[in-house]
Amino acid sequence: MSKKKRIKTILIIVFAILALLTAGVVGASLYFFGNMNTTEISKDNEDLGITEERAAQSDAKITNYALFGVDTRDMSADSGRSDAILILTVDEKHNVIKMTSILRDSKVPIEGHGEQKITHAYALGGPTLAIKTINQNFDMDIKDYVTVNFSQMAEIVDSVGGITMDLTPSEAAEINEMTPDAQKLQGSGSMELNGDQAVAYSRIRKIDSDNARADRQKEVLSAVFRKIASLPKTQYPGVIHDFLGLVETSLTYGDLIGYTTSPLITKGFYTEQYSIPDEAYETDLKGGIDSTGAWVWTYDLNKAAKRLHTIVYGETE
């Protein structure tokens, strides 16, 4: 299925970094966390759209975070529409990190603003309304977020030394259209991408579908995870320091330190990737122009929420 608006990417790697921390790394906490850009938001269930039933069912070993990517082109600003929206699930019961992208053009009710694209919630009410919109429409229990400005993604990729991606000839050609001559790729297949090339890869919008672009987001994220896992532990301090200076988050120093004793460290972790909607499951999925002239995805939100609960919590009907 084709789509006329582009999906940007989000490269949120903080949890992968934290999952690789060691006791020695924690000792340098002032260096790691001294440049954190922390924003306090309400943790009240009602303020965040979390129902009493969902709060009662939540599992302390399964924590969900909202990951937002914005593209203001202003390197100092983390505002605007959230052009990339992911739910990152840290599952300490099964030692897995799950990444579920919500396509930005999904048409949903946004409290106080009627039915709009879910991407608009962040611009209309910041991270609090964006989190509330996810929780209300998909019956989730998210209380914290991480936001990165898409324009900073190149720095994040470069901070880990680049990533390896498997590119089709069409993808390589699209990257070359968006990068200067000095960074043109020579060929396709398994290619090493620097930050600028990774940005270009994530901005590809002409050759395929909305779902394919969402898949690229998760592929880039997984590539960063793999790269971090391959780095010598001596490089962790620099990566952590660089990354935390590029994001805005509601997480605190204490929240992040808490992960240093997680099974994700002691036992290791693997990743899983999903999308909402996914045409293989949301069989009523339709894309087109709505009454306002906007291009949107429409589908049964209740059914999509139930599938998300199976992904995240293992719930079955």
Protein backbone atom coordinates (compact mmCIF):
# COMPACT_ATOMS: atom_id res chain seq x y z
CA MET A 1 0.00 0.00 0.00
CA SER A 2 1.32 3.43 -0.91
CA LYS A 3 1.16 6.56 1.23
CA LYS A 4 1.74 10.23 0.41
CA LYS A 5 3.28 11.38 3.66
CA ARG A 6 6.65 10.29 4.93
CA ILE A 7 7.43 8.50 8.16
CA LYS A 8 10.52 9.65 9.97
CA THR A 9 12.56 7.47 12.26
CA ILE A 10 13.46 7.50 15.89
CA LEU A 11 16.67 6.15 17.19
CA ILE A 12 16.21 5.73 20.91
CA ILE A 13 19.06 3.62 22.25
CA VAL A 14 19.14 4.51 25.92
CA PHE A 15 17.66 1.24 27.13
CA ALA A 16 20.11 -0.81 25.12
CA ILE A 17 22.94 1.20 26.64
CA LEU A 18 21.56 0.79 30.14
CA ALA A 19 21.17 -2.94 29.61
CA LEU A 20 24.91 -3.12 29.01
CA LEU A 21 26.02 -1.06 32.01
CA THR A 22 28.40 -2.57 34.54
CA ALA A 23 29.03 -1.74 38.19
CA GLY A 24 32.15 0.16 37.19
CA VAL A 25 30.16 2.25 34.75
CA VAL A 26 27.66 3.21 37.46
CA GLY A 27 30.53 4.68 39.47
CA ALA A 28 30.92 7.35 36.79
CA SER A 29 27.27 8.37 37.01
CA LEU A 30 27.95 12.10 37.15
CA TYR A 31 29.69 11.87 33.81
CA PHE A 32 26.94 9.74 32.27
CA PHE A 33 23.91 11.63 33.49
CA GLY A 34 25.23 15.14 34.05
CA ASN A 35 23.88 16.40 30.73
CA MET A 36 20.44 14.72 30.90
CA ASN A 37 17.56 16.88 29.66
CA THR A 38 14.82 15.79 32.06
CA THR A 39 11.25 17.11 31.89
CA GLU A 40 8.82 16.28 34.69
CA ILE A 41 5.32 15.17 33.72
CA SER A 42 2.35 13.99 35.76
CA LYS A 43 2.41 10.30 36.71
CA ASP A 44 -1.27 10.33 37.68
CA ASN A 45 -3.22 7.56 35.96
CA GLU A 46 -6.17 9.81 35.09
CA ASP A 47 -3.93 12.53 33.69
CA LEU A 48 -2.26 9.96 31.45
CA GLY A 49 -5.41 8.12 30.38
CA ILE A 50 -4.64 4.87 32.23
CA THR A 51 -7.78 3.04 33.33
CA GLU A 52 -8.12 1.53 36.79
CA GLU A 53 -8.46 -1.91 35.24
CA ARG A 54 -5.26 -1.55 33.21
CA ALA A 55 -3.38 -0.18 36.20
CA ALA A 56 -4.51 -3.17 38.28
CA GLN A 57 -3.41 -5.62 35.59
CA SER A 58 0.02 -4.09 35.00
CA ASP A 59 3.03 -6.29 35.66
CA ALA A 60 5.93 -4.70 37.56
CA LYS A 61 8.40 -6.64 35.41
CA ILE A 62 6.95 -5.35 32.12
CA THR A 63 7.42 -1.61 31.64
CA ASN A 64 6.30 0.37 28.62
CA TYR A 65 7.79 3.66 27.42
CA ALA A 66 6.72 6.02 24.67
CA LEU A 67 9.48 6.87 22.22
CA PHE A 68 8.90 9.95 20.08
CA GLY A 69 10.86 11.27 17.13
CA VAL A 70 10.27 14.87 16.09
CA ASP A 71 11.71 16.71 13.11
CA THR A 72 11.70 20.44 13.80
CA ARG A 73 15.02 20.99 11.98
CA ASP A 74 15.91 23.01 15.07
CA MET A 75 18.68 21.09 16.81
CA SER A 76 17.81 22.66 20.16
CA ALA A 77 14.07 21.93 20.08
CA ASP A 78 12.17 18.73 20.87
CA SER A 79 8.72 19.97 19.89
CA GLY A 80 6.39 19.64 16.93
CA ARG A 81 4.62 16.58 15.58
CA SER A 82 5.90 13.19 16.63
CA ASP A 83 6.72 11.82 13.21
CA ALA A 84 7.91 8.56 14.71
CA ILE A 85 5.99 6.87 17.53
CA LEU A 86 7.14 3.66 19.16
CA ILE A 87 6.16 1.78 22.28
CA LEU A 88 9.27 0.28 23.80
CA THR A 89 8.51 -2.61 26.14
CA VAL A 90 11.20 -3.63 28.61
CA ASP A 91 10.21 -7.18 29.59
CA GLU A 92 12.39 -8.33 32.48
CA LYS A 93 10.40 -11.55 32.85
CA HIS A 94 11.57 -12.86 29.50
CA ASN A 95 14.66 -10.66 28.92
CA VAL A 96 13.30 -9.12 25.76
CA ILE A 97 12.99 -5.56 24.46
CA LYS A 98 9.96 -5.19 22.20
CA MET A 99 9.56 -2.32 19.76
CA THR A 100 6.05 -1.61 18.45
CA SER A 101 5.68 1.26 16.03
CA ILE A 102 2.37 3.09 15.72
CA LEU A 103 2.04 4.54 12.26
CA ARG A 104 1.91 8.33 12.53
CA ASP A 105 -1.07 8.68 10.17
CA SER A 106 -3.33 6.44 12.28
CA LYS A 107 -6.60 8.34 12.78
CA VAL A 108 -7.57 8.33 16.46
CA PRO A 109 -9.57 10.42 18.95
CA ILE A 110 -7.33 13.02 20.64
CA GLU A 111 -8.89 14.36 23.83
CA GLY A 112 -10.16 17.89 23.29
CA HIS A 113 -9.32 17.88 19.59
CA GLY A 114 -11.61 15.35 17.93
CA GLU A 115 -10.35 12.66 15.55
CA GLN A 116 -6.97 13.42 14.03
CA LYS A 117 -3.73 11.74 13.06
CA ILE A 118 -2.00 10.41 16.14
CA THR A 119 1.13 12.35 15.15
CA HIS A 120 -0.68 15.63 15.98
CA ALA A 121 -1.10 14.81 19.69
CA TYR A 122 2.49 15.74 20.52
CA ALA A 123 2.21 19.15 18.85
CA LEU A 124 -1.19 19.82 20.43
CA GLY A 125 -0.27 18.95 24.02
CA GLY A 126 3.33 17.83 24.26
CA PRO A 127 4.42 14.45 25.58
CA THR A 128 1.66 14.28 28.20
CA LEU A 129 -1.14 14.45 25.63
CA ALA A 130 0.79 12.18 23.27
CA ILE A 131 1.17 9.53 26.00
CA LYS A 132 -2.47 9.95 27.02
CA THR A 133 -3.58 9.48 23.42
CA ILE A 134 -1.68 6.20 23.14
CA ASN A 135 -2.99 4.96 26.49
CA GLN A 136 -6.61 5.90 25.74
CA ASN A 137 -6.73 4.41 22.26
CA PHE A 138 -4.75 1.23 22.94
CA ASP A 139 -5.52 0.69 26.66
CA MET A 140 -1.87 0.97 27.73
CA ASP A 141 -0.09 1.93 30.96
CA ILE A 142 2.69 4.22 29.71
CA LYS A 143 3.97 6.83 32.17
CA ASP A 144 7.36 7.87 30.77
CA TYR A 145 8.79 8.96 27.45
CA VAL A 146 11.98 9.69 25.54
CA THR A 147 12.03 12.18 22.68
CA VAL A 148 14.78 12.77 20.17
CA ASN A 149 14.89 15.44 17.50
CA PHE A 150 15.21 13.65 14.19
CA SER A 151 17.82 16.18 13.10
CA GLN A 152 20.06 14.81 15.87
CA MET A 153 19.84 11.21 14.71
CA ALA A 154 23.04 11.48 12.70
CA GLU A 155 24.94 12.31 15.89
CA ILE A 156 23.44 9.29 17.66
CA VAL A 157 24.44 6.91 14.86
CA ASP A 158 27.90 8.44 14.60
CA SER A 159 28.33 8.14 18.38
CA VAL A 160 28.25 4.34 18.04
CA GLY A 161 30.54 4.37 15.00
CA GLY A 162 27.89 3.90 12.32
CA ILE A 163 25.63 0.94 11.55
CA THR A 164 25.46 -1.87 9.02
CA MET A 165 22.29 -2.16 6.93
CA ASP A 166 21.25 -4.48 4.12
CA LEU A 167 20.10 -2.17 1.31
CA THR A 168 18.21 -2.87 -1.89
CA PRO A 169 19.45 -1.08 -5.03
CA SER A 170 16.40 1.22 -4.82
CA GLU A 171 17.14 2.12 -1.20
CA ALA A 172 20.79 2.82 -1.98
CA ALA A 173 19.74 5.06 -4.87
CA GLU A 174 17.34 6.99 -2.62
CA ILE A 175 20.08 7.50 -0.02
CA ASN A 176 22.38 8.85 -2.72
CA GLU A 177 19.69 11.31 -3.79
CA MET A 178 19.72 12.81 -0.29
CA THR A 179 23.45 12.83 0.51
CA PRO A 180 26.39 14.88 -0.84
CA ASP A 181 28.83 13.44 -3.34
CA ALA A 182 31.41 12.64 -0.68
CA GLN A 183 28.92 10.32 1.02
CA LYS A 184 27.44 8.55 -2.00
CA LEU A 185 27.17 4.79 -1.61
CA GLN A 186 29.00 2.59 -4.07
CA GLY A 187 26.65 -0.32 -4.54
CA SER A 188 23.99 -1.99 -2.41
CA GLY A 189 23.65 -5.06 -0.18
CA SER A 190 25.39 -5.01 3.20
CA MET A 191 26.60 -1.44 3.61
CA GLU A 192 28.16 0.60 6.39
CA LEU A 193 26.14 3.78 6.99
CA ASN A 194 27.28 6.87 8.83
CA GLY A 195 24.85 9.19 10.60
CA ASP A 196 23.87 11.27 7.57
CA GLN A 197 23.33 8.17 5.46
CA ALA A 198 21.19 6.59 8.20
CA VAL A 199 19.06 9.76 8.30
CA ALA A 200 18.60 9.54 4.54
CA TYR A 201 17.69 5.85 4.77
CA SER A 202 15.06 6.62 7.38
CA ARG A 203 13.57 9.40 5.24
CA ILE A 204 12.98 7.24 2.17
CA ARG A 205 9.38 7.88 1.12
CA LYS A 206 8.96 7.20 -2.59
CA ILE A 207 9.62 3.55 -3.30
CA ASP A 208 7.20 1.55 -1.15
CA SER A 209 4.68 1.60 1.68
CA ASP A 210 4.05 3.20 5.06
CA ASN A 211 4.61 -0.18 6.71
CA ALA A 212 7.96 -0.58 4.95
CA ARG A 213 9.10 2.79 6.27
CA ALA A 214 8.03 1.80 9.78
CA ASP A 215 10.03 -1.41 9.36
CA ARG A 216 13.10 0.66 8.47
CA GLN A 217 12.73 2.54 11.73
CA LYS A 218 12.93 -0.69 13.70
CA GLU A 219 15.73 -2.07 11.53
CA VAL A 220 17.85 1.00 12.27
CA LEU A 221 17.07 0.74 15.98
CA SER A 222 18.02 -2.94 16.02
CA ALA A 223 21.22 -2.16 14.11
CA VAL A 224 22.18 0.34 16.80
CA PHE A 225 21.40 -2.25 19.50
CA ARG A 226 23.68 -4.74 17.77
CA LYS A 227 26.44 -2.18 17.38
CA ILE A 228 26.31 -1.26 21.06
CA ALA A 229 26.48 -4.92 22.04
CA SER A 230 29.66 -5.29 19.97
CA LEU A 231 31.45 -2.30 21.50
CA PRO A 232 34.17 -2.71 24.13
CA LYS A 233 32.86 -1.79 27.59
CA THR A 234 35.45 0.97 27.73
CA GLN A 235 33.41 2.84 25.09
CA TYR A 236 30.13 2.78 27.03
CA PRO A 237 30.78 5.96 29.04
CA GLY A 238 31.27 8.08 25.93
CA VAL A 239 28.25 6.60 24.16
CA ILE A 240 26.00 7.11 27.18
CA HIS A 241 27.21 10.66 27.72
CA ASP A 242 26.74 11.60 24.06
CA PHE A 243 23.30 10.00 23.80
CA LEU A 244 21.77 11.47 26.94
CA GLY A 245 22.78 14.93 25.79
CA LEU A 246 20.66 14.52 22.65
CA VAL A 247 17.32 13.47 24.14
CA GLU A 248 14.53 14.84 26.30
CA THR A 249 12.99 12.43 28.81
CA SER A 250 10.72 12.17 31.83
CA LEU A 251 13.01 9.49 33.26
CA THR A 252 15.18 10.46 36.18
CA TYR A 253 18.70 9.55 37.20
CA GLY A 254 17.21 7.11 39.70
CA ASP A 255 15.03 5.45 37.04
CA LEU A 256 18.03 4.82 34.82
CA ILE A 257 20.26 3.59 37.62
CA GLY A 258 17.53 1.09 38.51
CA TYR A 259 18.24 -0.80 35.30
CA THR A 260 21.79 -1.58 36.36
CA THR A 261 20.52 -4.55 38.41
CA SER A 262 18.05 -5.72 35.77
CA PRO A 263 18.09 -9.27 34.33
CA LEU A 264 18.64 -7.51 31.02
CA ILE A 265 22.18 -6.94 32.26
CA THR A 266 22.87 -10.17 34.08
CA LYS A 267 21.28 -12.47 31.50
CA GLY A 268 21.34 -10.41 28.29
CA PHE A 269 18.38 -9.60 26.06
CA TYR A 270 16.99 -9.99 22.57
CA THR A 271 14.64 -7.78 20.55
CA GLU A 272 11.27 -8.22 18.84
CA GLN A 273 9.64 -5.84 16.37
CA TYR A 274 5.97 -5.14 15.59
CA SER A 275 3.76 -2.53 13.91
CA ILE A 276 0.30 -1.12 14.55
CA PRO A 277 -1.42 -1.30 12.14
CA ASP A 278 -0.13 -4.32 10.24
CA GLU A 279 -2.10 -5.30 7.17
CA ALA A 280 -1.54 -8.98 7.97
CA TYR A 281 -3.59 -8.54 11.17
CA GLU A 282 -5.65 -5.36 10.81
CA THR A 283 -7.67 -6.82 7.95
CA ASP A 284 -10.01 -3.81 7.89
CA LEU A 285 -7.09 -1.43 7.33
CA LYS A 286 -7.87 1.37 4.89
CA GLY A 287 -5.77 4.28 3.74
CA GLY A 288 -7.06 7.38 2.04
CA ILE A 289 -8.10 11.02 2.22
CA ASP A 290 -10.56 11.86 5.00
CA SER A 291 -13.15 14.63 5.15
CA THR A 292 -10.53 17.17 6.23
CA GLY A 293 -8.33 16.45 3.23
CA ALA A 294 -5.70 14.60 5.29
CA TRP A 295 -4.23 11.24 4.31
CA VAL A 296 -4.94 8.76 7.13
CA TRP A 297 -4.96 5.10 8.14
CA THR A 298 -8.25 3.86 9.61
CA TYR A 299 -8.76 0.51 11.35
CA ASP A 300 -10.53 -1.02 14.35
CA LEU A 301 -8.66 0.46 17.30
CA ASN A 302 -10.20 -1.97 19.80
CA LYS A 303 -9.00 -5.00 17.86
CA ALA A 304 -5.58 -3.42 17.38
CA ALA A 305 -5.40 -2.78 21.13
CA LYS A 306 -6.13 -6.43 21.87
CA ARG A 307 -3.33 -7.51 19.53
CA LEU A 308 -1.00 -5.03 21.22
CA HIS A 309 -1.89 -6.53 24.61
CA THR A 310 -0.95 -9.97 23.30
CA ILE A 311 2.39 -8.58 22.10
CA VAL A 312 3.19 -6.65 25.27
CA TYR A 313 1.55 -8.55 28.10
CA GLY A 314 0.90 -11.97 26.60
CA GLU A 315 -2.83 -11.47 27.14
CA THR A 316 -5.27 -13.59 25.19
CA GLU A 317 -9.03 -13.28 24.91
